[in-house]
Amino acid sequence: MCRNIRPLNNFAPPASREEVRAAALQYVRKVAGASQPSQANQAAYDRAVAVIAEATEQLLDELVTTAPPKDRETEAAKARERAQKRYAS
C-alpha cells in the first residue's frame, strides 16, 4: 500500500489537494491494516485522513529548499526506468 505514496515536496506545480489526500488515505490504510474500513470504522478513517492531509499540507507549505522544483514528467520517467530495471527478468 505505501508504495503508492509519492514524494510531494518541491514540484512544479505544487502538490494538489487531491494528491495530498490520496497520500493521507494510503497512510491511514497502511496504519489501520485494511484498505476498506467497515461501516463502523468509516468515520474514524475519514477523520484520520482529514487530519493527516491537513498536517501534510502544512508541512509542505513550511518546508524550505534551495533546490530547483522537480518536473513531474521527468520524475515519473525516472521511476519507470528504475521499475523496469528492478523487475527485468
C-alpha atoms as a PDB file:
ATOM      1  CA  MET A   1       0.000   0.000   0.000  1.00  0.00           C
ATOM      2  CA  CYS A   2       2.677   2.535   0.932  1.00  0.00           C
ATOM      3  CA  ARG A   3       4.396   2.134  -2.415  1.00  0.00           C
ATOM      4  CA  ASN A   4       1.648   4.397  -3.719  1.00  0.00           C
ATOM      5  CA  ILE A   5       2.716   7.286  -1.507  1.00  0.00           C
ATOM      6  CA  ARG A   6       4.905   9.558  -3.599  1.00  0.00           C
ATOM      7  CA  PRO A   7       7.110  12.464  -2.576  1.00  0.00           C
ATOM      8  CA  LEU A   8       5.064  15.647  -2.782  1.00  0.00           C
ATOM      9  CA  ASN A   9       7.618  18.315  -1.910  1.00  0.00           C
ATOM     10  CA  ASN A  10       9.316  20.673  -4.354  1.00  0.00           C
ATOM     11  CA  PHE A  11       7.338  20.015  -7.512  1.00  0.00           C
ATOM     12  CA  ALA A  12       6.162  22.466 -10.111  1.00  0.00           C
ATOM     13  CA  PRO A  13       3.226  22.830  -9.934  1.00  0.00           C
ATOM     14  CA  PRO A  14       2.893  22.133  -6.198  1.00  0.00           C
ATOM     15  CA  ALA A  15       1.052  19.050  -4.972  1.00  0.00           C
ATOM     16  CA  SER A  16      -2.696  19.340  -5.312  1.00  0.00           C
ATOM     17  CA  ARG A  17      -5.186  18.755  -2.507  1.00  0.00           C
ATOM     18  CA  GLU A  18      -6.171  15.515  -4.249  1.00  0.00           C
ATOM     19  CA  GLU A  19      -2.568  14.259  -4.203  1.00  0.00           C
ATOM     20  CA  VAL A  20      -2.191  15.150  -0.535  1.00  0.00           C
ATOM     21  CA  ARG A  21      -5.475  13.443   0.322  1.00  0.00           C
ATOM     22  CA  ALA A  22      -4.502  10.323  -1.639  1.00  0.00           C
ATOM     23  CA  ALA A  23      -1.219  10.102   0.288  1.00  0.00           C
ATOM     24  CA  ALA A  24      -3.070  10.591   3.592  1.00  0.00           C
ATOM     25  CA  LEU A  25      -5.549   7.873   2.657  1.00  0.00           C
ATOM     26  CA  GLN A  26      -2.750   5.435   1.811  1.00  0.00           C
ATOM     27  CA  TYR A  27      -1.073   6.201   5.125  1.00  0.00           C
ATOM     28  CA  VAL A  28      -4.279   5.601   7.092  1.00  0.00           C
ATOM     29  CA  ARG A  29      -4.923   2.356   5.226  1.00  0.00           C
ATOM     30  CA  LYS A  30      -1.410   1.132   5.977  1.00  0.00           C
ATOM     31  CA  VAL A  31      -1.553   2.037   9.672  1.00  0.00           C
ATOM     32  CA  ALA A  32      -5.046   0.568  10.084  1.00  0.00           C
ATOM     33  CA  GLY A  33      -4.110  -2.592   8.202  1.00  0.00           C
ATOM     34  CA  ALA A  34      -7.106  -2.544   5.886  1.00  0.00           C
ATOM     35  CA  SER A  35      -7.790  -0.892   2.571  1.00  0.00           C
ATOM     36  CA  GLN A  36     -11.528  -0.623   3.200  1.00  0.00           C
ATOM     37  CA  PRO A  37     -12.898   0.240   6.638  1.00  0.00           C
ATOM     38  CA  SER A  38     -16.017  -1.364   7.981  1.00  0.00           C
ATOM     39  CA  GLN A  39     -19.068   0.853   8.269  1.00  0.00           C
ATOM     40  CA  ALA A  40     -18.401   1.085  11.995  1.00  0.00           C
ATOM     41  CA  ASN A  41     -14.911   2.475  11.323  1.00  0.00           C
ATOM     42  CA  GLN A  42     -15.624   4.703   8.310  1.00  0.00           C
ATOM     43  CA  ALA A  43     -15.982   7.890  10.363  1.00  0.00           C
ATOM     44  CA  ALA A  44     -12.669   7.240  12.139  1.00  0.00           C
ATOM     45  CA  TYR A  45     -10.938   6.674   8.770  1.00  0.00           C
ATOM     46  CA  ASP A  46     -12.428   9.867   7.358  1.00  0.00           C
ATOM     47  CA  ARG A  47     -11.345  11.940  10.378  1.00  0.00           C
ATOM     48  CA  ALA A  48      -7.836  10.497  10.287  1.00  0.00           C
ATOM     49  CA  VAL A  49      -7.465  11.190   6.563  1.00  0.00           C
ATOM     50  CA  ALA A  50      -8.621  14.786   7.050  1.00  0.00           C
ATOM     51  CA  VAL A  51      -6.221  15.412   9.946  1.00  0.00           C
ATOM     52  CA  ILE A  52      -3.254  13.821   8.162  1.00  0.00           C
ATOM     53  CA  ALA A  53      -3.999  15.664   4.916  1.00  0.00           C
ATOM     54  CA  GLU A  54      -4.135  18.961   6.810  1.00  0.00           C
ATOM     55  CA  ALA A  55      -0.847  18.219   8.591  1.00  0.00           C
ATOM     56  CA  THR A  56       0.746  17.226   5.274  1.00  0.00           C
ATOM     57  CA  GLU A  57      -0.378  20.441   3.586  1.00  0.00           C
ATOM     58  CA  GLN A  58       1.016  22.456   6.485  1.00  0.00           C
ATOM     59  CA  LEU A  59       4.311  20.574   6.296  1.00  0.00           C
ATOM     60  CA  LEU A  60       4.613  21.119   2.547  1.00  0.00           C
ATOM     61  CA  ASP A  61       3.822  24.815   2.962  1.00  0.00           C
ATOM     62  CA  GLU A  62       6.535  25.229   5.594  1.00  0.00           C
ATOM     63  CA  LEU A  63       9.347  23.212   4.006  1.00  0.00           C
ATOM     64  CA  VAL A  64      12.185  25.303   2.586  1.00  0.00           C
ATOM     65  CA  THR A  65      14.588  24.262  -0.144  1.00  0.00           C
ATOM     66  CA  THR A  66      17.113  25.905  -2.406  1.00  0.00           C
ATOM     67  CA  ALA A  67      16.844  23.135  -4.996  1.00  0.00           C
ATOM     68  CA  PRO A  68      15.002  23.950  -8.207  1.00  0.00           C
ATOM     69  CA  PRO A  69      11.488  22.466  -8.419  1.00  0.00           C
ATOM     70  CA  LYS A  70      11.295  18.986  -9.908  1.00  0.00           C
ATOM     71  CA  ASP A  71       9.324  18.244 -13.056  1.00  0.00           C
ATOM     72  CA  ARG A  72       6.624  15.588 -12.577  1.00  0.00           C
ATOM     73  CA  GLU A  73       7.105  14.026 -16.003  1.00  0.00           C
ATOM     74  CA  THR A  74      10.874  13.729 -15.567  1.00  0.00           C
ATOM     75  CA  GLU A  75      10.471  12.153 -12.127  1.00  0.00           C
ATOM     76  CA  ALA A  76       7.831   9.734 -13.461  1.00  0.00           C
ATOM     77  CA  ALA A  77      10.165   8.692 -16.282  1.00  0.00           C
ATOM     78  CA  LYS A  78      12.956   8.065 -13.768  1.00  0.00           C
ATOM     79  CA  ALA A  79      10.600   5.945 -11.655  1.00  0.00           C
ATOM     80  CA  ARG A  80       9.539   3.892 -14.691  1.00  0.00           C
ATOM     81  CA  GLU A  81      13.199   3.320 -15.574  1.00  0.00           C
ATOM     82  CA  ARG A  82      14.002   2.178 -12.017  1.00  0.00           C
ATOM     83  CA  ALA A  83      10.991  -0.154 -12.036  1.00  0.00           C
ATOM     84  CA  GLN A  84      11.997  -1.587 -15.399  1.00  0.00           C
ATOM     85  CA  LYS A  85      15.470  -2.389 -14.069  1.00  0.00           C
ATOM     86  CA  ARG A  86      14.075  -3.782 -10.817  1.00  0.00           C
ATOM     87  CA  TYR A  87      11.550  -6.086 -12.499  1.00  0.00           C
ATOM     88  CA  ALA A  88      13.610  -7.096 -15.525  1.00  0.00           C
ATOM     89  CA  SER A  89      13.861 -10.839 -15.863  1.00  0.00           C
END
